[in-house]
Amino acid sequence: MPTVEQKLLQIQEEAQITLKEAMRNERSKRWKRVVENYNHLLKLVSRRNLPEGYEPPASKHIMLLYELYYHLGLALQNLGRHREAIKQYTKAIKVVSIPKNGCLAGCHSNSCLMTPLFAKRAFAYAKCWDKKNALRDAEKAVVLDNVNPDVYCIRALAWMTFNEEKMAIQDLSTALKRNPRHACALILRGTIDRPMALEMNPHTNLYLDVKDFDSPKIIDFYNRFLFSLNVPHTVSSISLISEARSRRLAQSNRPQSPQGSPGMAWSTGSVPAATQLSSPGSPSMDARGPARPPFRCGTPSRLQRTADSAVRRWQYGMAIRAHSVQQAGV
């Protein structure tokens, strides 16, 4: 009968193979297979499938579930299964939702991880013609990252889906104040700003008919111009036991190998290229000088105590206060 560690290693190896297959299918846009892969992965790493009494590494397991739920929701949206996608995004939100003690505004310590989830869920709600929830989630995304022009485009798309053109123009104007050369906002503003959008990015001419979440090209448009609101793959390797134990166990299971097989270490890898400040389309300037970068959603980072981070904390606090005052007046 296999020991607990041997069973964990078997689950870990199967999960690793499935994750790689899911990522290959994502690149090939085989969305039905992607859904199957992620559903299987979630069953493998769920606590019900793990040995009784075993506790996985907390922070790593949370990050793994967060990304699996997000990418499962993304695959479902690509298949037009938006109601199912909403359920997966909601699960991802719950996984990383850690309320701050004593915060009357309902702040969460993992807010930067939740921003892309609220943006995607707003998209899914809009496709289900749920105006209230679509606008509510879009508002949450704006509150969480109010210096990021992308979130204003999300809310503008939601407004336009429900024929609220005036409100959409206000959000697009705010996005352009944050970054006057923001391609997505320029496209959505229409023919007035079309020449500048084409000058910035020649691909914009393919999306000049995009105006709301019902547009046939909306998913490609979202991925190309709102990339800061996507969750990249940071978990590329799955580990349910410590690296040292995994290595020793792998060596004991493969005595014929002179060097043994290295254990599967959990690795978040390097920050994906799509989240770097040098990414194409990243805001570089705004009307007040160099633009502060938006949160690179879903990408763990070590924040340093700098003047810029202090300003960002202050701006976030002001956005929370404004949101609270607005809700109190409703």
Protein backbone atom coordinates (compact mmCIF):
# COMPACT_ATOMS: atom_id res chain seq x y z
CA MET A 1 0.00 0.00 0.00
CA PRO A 2 1.53 3.34 -0.97
CA THR A 3 2.56 5.76 1.76
CA VAL A 4 1.12 9.28 2.03
CA GLU A 5 4.17 10.75 0.33
CA GLN A 6 4.05 8.22 -2.49
CA LYS A 7 0.38 8.98 -3.11
CA LEU A 8 1.11 12.71 -3.08
CA LEU A 9 3.92 12.24 -5.57
CA GLN A 10 1.62 10.28 -7.90
CA ILE A 11 -1.03 13.03 -7.73
CA GLN A 12 1.62 15.67 -8.25
CA GLU A 13 3.06 13.99 -11.36
CA GLU A 14 -0.39 13.50 -12.91
CA ALA A 15 -1.31 17.12 -12.12
CA GLN A 16 1.92 18.37 -13.70
CA ILE A 17 1.27 16.46 -16.91
CA THR A 18 -2.33 17.74 -17.04
CA LEU A 19 -1.26 21.36 -16.47
CA LYS A 20 1.21 21.22 -19.36
CA GLU A 21 -1.44 19.67 -21.59
CA ALA A 22 -3.92 22.41 -20.62
CA MET A 23 -1.42 25.12 -21.50
CA ARG A 24 -0.68 23.49 -24.87
CA ASN A 25 -4.40 23.31 -25.63
CA GLU A 26 -4.79 26.96 -24.64
CA ARG A 27 -2.13 27.99 -27.14
CA SER A 28 -3.93 25.95 -29.81
CA LYS A 29 -7.34 27.34 -28.72
CA ARG A 30 -8.77 23.87 -28.21
CA TRP A 31 -11.14 25.22 -25.58
CA LYS A 32 -13.20 22.08 -24.98
CA ARG A 33 -10.04 20.17 -24.14
CA VAL A 34 -8.88 23.06 -21.96
CA VAL A 35 -12.11 22.82 -19.94
CA GLU A 36 -11.61 19.07 -19.53
CA ASN A 37 -7.98 19.58 -18.46
CA TYR A 38 -8.77 22.19 -15.81
CA ASN A 39 -11.75 20.27 -14.42
CA HIS A 40 -9.50 17.23 -14.06
CA LEU A 41 -6.76 19.33 -12.46
CA LEU A 42 -9.14 20.82 -9.92
CA LYS A 43 -10.28 17.33 -8.92
CA LEU A 44 -6.69 16.17 -8.55
CA VAL A 45 -5.58 19.01 -6.25
CA SER A 46 -8.81 19.40 -4.28
CA ARG A 47 -8.58 18.65 -0.58
CA ARG A 48 -11.09 15.80 -1.00
CA ASN A 49 -8.64 13.96 -3.24
CA LEU A 50 -5.64 14.47 -0.96
CA PRO A 51 -4.81 12.05 1.88
CA GLU A 52 -6.82 12.53 5.06
CA GLY A 53 -5.13 14.90 7.50
CA TYR A 54 -2.73 16.29 4.89
CA GLU A 55 -2.52 20.07 4.56
CA PRO A 56 -1.02 21.41 1.31
CA PRO A 57 1.31 24.45 1.38
CA ALA A 58 -1.28 27.17 2.03
CA SER A 59 -0.12 30.13 -0.06
CA LYS A 60 1.02 27.97 -2.99
CA HIS A 61 -2.19 25.97 -3.03
CA ILE A 62 -4.28 29.16 -2.96
CA MET A 63 -2.36 30.61 -5.90
CA LEU A 64 -2.74 27.35 -7.83
CA LEU A 65 -6.52 27.25 -7.29
CA TYR A 66 -6.81 30.96 -8.16
CA GLU A 67 -5.16 30.44 -11.54
CA LEU A 68 -6.97 27.17 -12.29
CA TYR A 69 -10.41 28.70 -11.63
CA TYR A 70 -9.51 31.80 -13.66
CA HIS A 71 -8.27 29.89 -16.70
CA LEU A 72 -11.22 27.48 -16.55
CA GLY A 73 -13.54 30.50 -16.58
CA LEU A 74 -11.60 31.97 -19.50
CA ALA A 75 -11.96 28.74 -21.51
CA LEU A 76 -15.70 28.61 -20.78
CA GLN A 77 -16.10 32.19 -22.01
CA ASN A 78 -14.32 31.31 -25.22
CA LEU A 79 -16.96 28.62 -25.68
CA GLY A 80 -19.77 31.10 -25.00
CA ARG A 81 -20.63 29.41 -21.68
CA HIS A 82 -20.73 32.66 -19.71
CA ARG A 83 -22.94 31.54 -16.82
CA GLU A 84 -20.56 28.69 -16.07
CA ALA A 85 -17.65 31.11 -16.35
CA ILE A 86 -19.25 33.37 -13.72
CA LYS A 87 -19.23 30.46 -11.26
CA GLN A 88 -15.52 29.81 -11.82
CA TYR A 89 -14.55 33.49 -11.48
CA THR A 90 -16.58 33.64 -8.27
CA LYS A 91 -14.70 30.63 -6.89
CA ALA A 92 -11.39 32.31 -7.76
CA ILE A 93 -12.49 35.48 -5.96
CA LYS A 94 -13.41 33.49 -2.85
CA VAL A 95 -10.06 31.68 -2.88
CA VAL A 96 -8.04 34.91 -2.65
CA SER A 97 -10.56 36.98 -0.69
CA ILE A 98 -8.97 37.76 2.67
CA PRO A 99 -10.84 40.61 4.42
CA LYS A 100 -8.68 43.12 6.24
CA ASN A 101 -9.40 43.28 9.96
CA GLY A 102 -11.14 46.47 10.99
CA CYS A 103 -11.74 47.78 7.46
CA LEU A 104 -15.23 49.27 7.23
CA ALA A 105 -14.96 49.69 3.45
CA GLY A 106 -14.64 45.95 2.90
CA CYS A 107 -11.04 46.00 1.66
CA HIS A 108 -9.25 42.73 0.94
CA SER A 109 -5.54 42.09 1.25
CA ASN A 110 -5.40 40.37 -2.15
CA SER A 111 -7.20 43.16 -4.03
CA CYS A 112 -4.69 43.29 -6.91
CA LEU A 113 -5.38 39.61 -7.62
CA MET A 114 -9.12 40.25 -7.67
CA THR A 115 -9.11 43.10 -10.21
CA PRO A 116 -8.89 40.90 -13.34
CA LEU A 117 -11.52 38.57 -11.86
CA PHE A 118 -14.02 41.40 -11.41
CA ALA A 119 -13.24 42.64 -14.93
CA LYS A 120 -13.78 39.21 -16.48
CA ARG A 121 -16.88 38.54 -14.41
CA ALA A 122 -18.33 41.92 -15.47
CA PHE A 123 -17.79 40.79 -19.07
CA ALA A 124 -19.58 37.48 -18.37
CA TYR A 125 -22.48 39.15 -16.56
CA ALA A 126 -22.91 41.58 -19.47
CA LYS A 127 -23.10 38.64 -21.89
CA CYS A 128 -25.88 37.23 -19.70
CA TRP A 129 -27.69 40.60 -19.82
CA ASP A 130 -27.32 41.07 -16.07
CA LYS A 131 -26.84 44.85 -16.01
CA LYS A 132 -26.76 45.27 -12.23
CA ASN A 133 -24.03 42.71 -11.60
CA ALA A 134 -22.03 43.67 -14.69
CA LEU A 135 -21.82 47.31 -13.62
CA ARG A 136 -21.22 46.36 -10.00
CA ASP A 137 -18.18 44.25 -10.90
CA ALA A 138 -16.89 46.90 -13.32
CA GLU A 139 -17.16 49.46 -10.51
CA LYS A 140 -15.19 47.20 -8.17
CA ALA A 141 -12.42 46.88 -10.76
CA VAL A 142 -12.26 50.69 -11.06
CA VAL A 143 -12.10 51.14 -7.29
CA LEU A 144 -9.33 48.56 -6.91
CA ASP A 145 -7.06 50.06 -9.60
CA ASN A 146 -8.28 53.56 -10.37
CA VAL A 147 -5.09 54.69 -12.15
CA ASN A 148 -5.31 51.91 -14.74
CA PRO A 149 -7.06 53.10 -17.95
CA ASP A 150 -8.02 49.50 -18.76
CA VAL A 151 -10.61 49.30 -15.98
CA TYR A 152 -12.43 52.38 -17.30
CA CYS A 153 -12.62 50.69 -20.70
CA ILE A 154 -14.19 47.65 -19.02
CA ARG A 155 -16.87 49.81 -17.45
CA ALA A 156 -17.37 51.72 -20.72
CA LEU A 157 -17.94 48.43 -22.54
CA ALA A 158 -20.49 47.47 -19.91
CA TRP A 159 -22.28 50.82 -20.27
CA MET A 160 -22.35 50.49 -24.05
CA THR A 161 -23.72 46.94 -23.83
CA PHE A 162 -26.77 48.40 -22.09
CA ASN A 163 -26.97 51.44 -24.43
CA GLU A 164 -25.69 53.94 -21.85
CA GLU A 165 -23.51 55.87 -24.29
CA LYS A 166 -23.21 59.04 -22.21
CA MET A 167 -21.81 57.14 -19.19
CA ALA A 168 -19.47 55.19 -21.46
CA ILE A 169 -18.03 58.41 -22.91
CA GLN A 170 -17.34 59.69 -19.38
CA ASP A 171 -15.34 56.58 -18.54
CA LEU A 172 -13.44 56.71 -21.82
CA SER A 173 -12.60 60.37 -21.19
CA THR A 174 -11.24 59.40 -17.77
CA ALA A 175 -9.15 56.63 -19.34
CA LEU A 176 -7.69 59.11 -21.83
CA LYS A 177 -6.86 61.52 -19.00
CA ARG A 178 -4.86 58.72 -17.40
CA ASN A 179 -3.16 57.96 -20.72
CA PRO A 180 -3.93 60.11 -23.78
CA ARG A 181 -2.50 57.42 -26.07
CA HIS A 182 -4.45 54.48 -24.68
CA ALA A 183 -5.36 52.49 -27.81
CA CYS A 184 -8.44 50.76 -26.37
CA ALA A 185 -10.02 54.01 -25.20
CA LEU A 186 -9.25 55.70 -28.52
CA ILE A 187 -10.85 52.86 -30.47
CA LEU A 188 -13.95 52.92 -28.33
CA ARG A 189 -14.28 56.67 -28.68
CA GLY A 190 -14.91 56.10 -32.36
CA THR A 191 -14.13 58.02 -35.51
CA ILE A 192 -12.91 61.24 -33.83
CA ASP A 193 -9.83 59.59 -32.40
CA ARG A 194 -9.45 56.86 -35.03
CA PRO A 195 -6.37 58.33 -36.81
CA MET A 196 -4.36 58.45 -33.57
CA ALA A 197 -5.35 54.89 -32.68
CA LEU A 198 -4.24 53.65 -36.11
CA GLU A 199 -0.94 55.51 -35.79
CA MET A 200 -0.26 53.89 -32.43
CA ASN A 201 -1.19 50.36 -33.40
CA PRO A 202 -1.89 49.26 -36.99
CA HIS A 203 -4.01 46.35 -35.71
CA THR A 204 -6.67 48.75 -34.40
CA ASN A 205 -8.30 48.93 -37.85
CA LEU A 206 -9.45 45.32 -37.30
CA TYR A 207 -11.48 46.34 -34.25
CA LEU A 208 -13.11 49.60 -35.25
CA ASP A 209 -16.54 47.92 -35.08
CA VAL A 210 -16.07 46.90 -31.44
CA LYS A 211 -18.25 48.97 -29.15
CA ASP A 212 -19.61 46.67 -26.41
CA PHE A 213 -19.40 43.19 -24.90
CA ASP A 214 -21.75 41.83 -27.57
CA SER A 215 -19.27 42.49 -30.38
CA PRO A 216 -18.15 39.24 -32.11
CA LYS A 217 -14.47 40.20 -31.77
CA ILE A 218 -14.67 41.17 -28.10
CA ILE A 219 -12.49 38.34 -26.74
CA ASP A 220 -9.62 39.03 -29.17
CA PHE A 221 -10.04 42.76 -28.52
CA TYR A 222 -9.90 42.21 -24.75
CA ASN A 223 -6.76 40.06 -24.94
CA ARG A 224 -4.94 42.46 -27.27
CA PHE A 225 -5.76 45.84 -25.74
CA LEU A 226 -6.65 45.07 -22.12
CA PHE A 227 -3.79 42.72 -21.36
CA SER A 228 -3.18 44.12 -17.85
CA LEU A 229 -6.55 42.64 -16.84
CA ASN A 230 -5.60 39.06 -17.71
CA VAL A 231 -4.10 36.59 -15.26
CA PRO A 232 -0.87 35.07 -16.61
CA HIS A 233 0.35 31.59 -15.80
CA THR A 234 2.77 32.01 -12.89
CA VAL A 235 2.37 28.47 -11.54
CA SER A 236 4.22 26.30 -14.02
CA SER A 237 5.01 23.41 -11.70
CA ILE A 238 2.86 21.72 -9.06
CA SER A 239 4.24 20.56 -5.72
CA LEU A 240 2.20 19.00 -2.93
CA ILE A 241 5.18 18.03 -0.78
CA SER A 242 8.47 19.72 0.01
CA GLU A 243 11.14 19.77 -2.69
CA ALA A 244 13.65 17.87 -0.56
CA ARG A 245 11.21 15.07 0.26
CA SER A 246 10.02 14.90 -3.33
CA ARG A 247 13.60 14.51 -4.56
CA ARG A 248 14.45 11.81 -2.00
CA LEU A 249 11.27 9.91 -2.80
CA ALA A 250 11.84 10.14 -6.54
CA GLN A 251 15.39 8.84 -6.07
CA SER A 252 14.18 5.92 -3.96
CA ASN A 253 11.55 5.02 -6.57
CA ARG A 254 14.09 5.06 -9.43
CA PRO A 255 17.20 3.21 -8.16
CA GLN A 256 18.32 2.42 -11.72
CA SER A 257 19.04 6.10 -12.34
CA PRO A 258 22.51 7.08 -11.16
CA GLN A 259 21.47 10.65 -10.39
CA GLY A 260 17.81 10.19 -9.54
CA SER A 261 15.04 12.44 -10.71
CA PRO A 262 14.66 15.89 -9.28
CA GLY A 263 11.51 16.57 -7.31
CA MET A 264 8.91 18.82 -8.79
CA ALA A 265 9.52 22.16 -7.18
CA TRP A 266 6.83 24.75 -7.01
CA SER A 267 7.93 27.70 -9.03
CA THR A 268 6.23 30.93 -9.80
CA GLY A 269 8.82 31.56 -12.49
CA SER A 270 9.75 34.96 -13.74
CA VAL A 271 7.25 37.70 -14.25
CA PRO A 272 5.59 37.09 -17.66
CA ALA A 273 6.52 39.44 -20.46
CA ALA A 274 2.92 40.62 -20.75
CA THR A 275 3.16 42.13 -17.26
CA GLN A 276 6.42 44.03 -17.71
CA LEU A 277 6.39 47.80 -17.95
CA SER A 278 8.01 47.56 -21.37
CA SER A 279 5.04 45.65 -22.81
CA PRO A 280 3.64 47.00 -26.07
CA GLY A 281 0.80 49.36 -25.37
CA SER A 282 1.83 49.97 -21.76
CA PRO A 283 1.02 53.49 -20.60
CA SER A 284 4.15 55.61 -20.57
CA MET A 285 2.92 59.16 -20.22
CA ASP A 286 -0.16 60.97 -19.03
CA ALA A 287 -1.15 64.59 -18.87
CA ARG A 288 0.69 65.03 -15.56
CA GLY A 289 4.01 63.49 -16.64
CA PRO A 290 5.23 59.86 -16.49
CA ALA A 291 2.27 57.57 -15.85
CA ARG A 292 2.34 55.37 -12.77
CA PRO A 293 2.04 51.74 -13.83
CA PRO A 294 -1.23 49.92 -13.09
CA PHE A 295 -1.22 46.89 -10.84
CA ARG A 296 0.09 43.97 -12.87
CA CYS A 297 -2.84 41.81 -11.94
CA GLY A 298 -2.24 38.25 -10.85
CA THR A 299 1.54 38.58 -10.80
CA PRO A 300 3.17 38.22 -7.38
CA SER A 301 5.81 40.83 -6.74
CA ARG A 302 7.86 42.21 -3.90
CA LEU A 303 6.78 45.77 -3.40
CA GLN A 304 9.41 48.14 -2.09
CA ARG A 305 8.62 51.04 0.17
CA THR A 306 9.13 53.91 -2.23
CA ALA A 307 7.56 57.31 -2.70
CA ASP A 308 5.66 55.92 -5.67
CA SER A 309 4.17 53.04 -3.66
CA ALA A 310 3.11 55.52 -0.96
CA VAL A 311 1.30 57.59 -3.57
CA ARG A 312 -0.40 54.47 -4.94
CA ARG A 313 -1.60 53.54 -1.41
CA TRP A 314 -2.95 57.06 -0.93
CA GLN A 315 -4.77 56.95 -4.28
CA TYR A 316 -6.28 53.58 -3.42
CA GLY A 317 -7.46 54.92 -0.07
CA MET A 318 -9.06 57.95 -1.73
CA ALA A 319 -10.85 55.71 -4.23
CA ILE A 320 -12.21 53.55 -1.40
CA ARG A 321 -13.45 56.63 0.48
CA ALA A 322 -15.14 58.03 -2.61
CA HIS A 323 -16.76 54.66 -3.28
CA SER A 324 -18.00 54.44 0.32
CA VAL A 325 -19.49 57.94 0.21
CA GLN A 326 -21.23 57.14 -3.07
CA GLN A 327 -22.70 53.91 -1.69
CA ALA A 328 -23.88 55.67 1.47
CA GLY A 329 -25.74 58.25 -0.62
CA VAL A 330 -27.56 55.65 -2.73
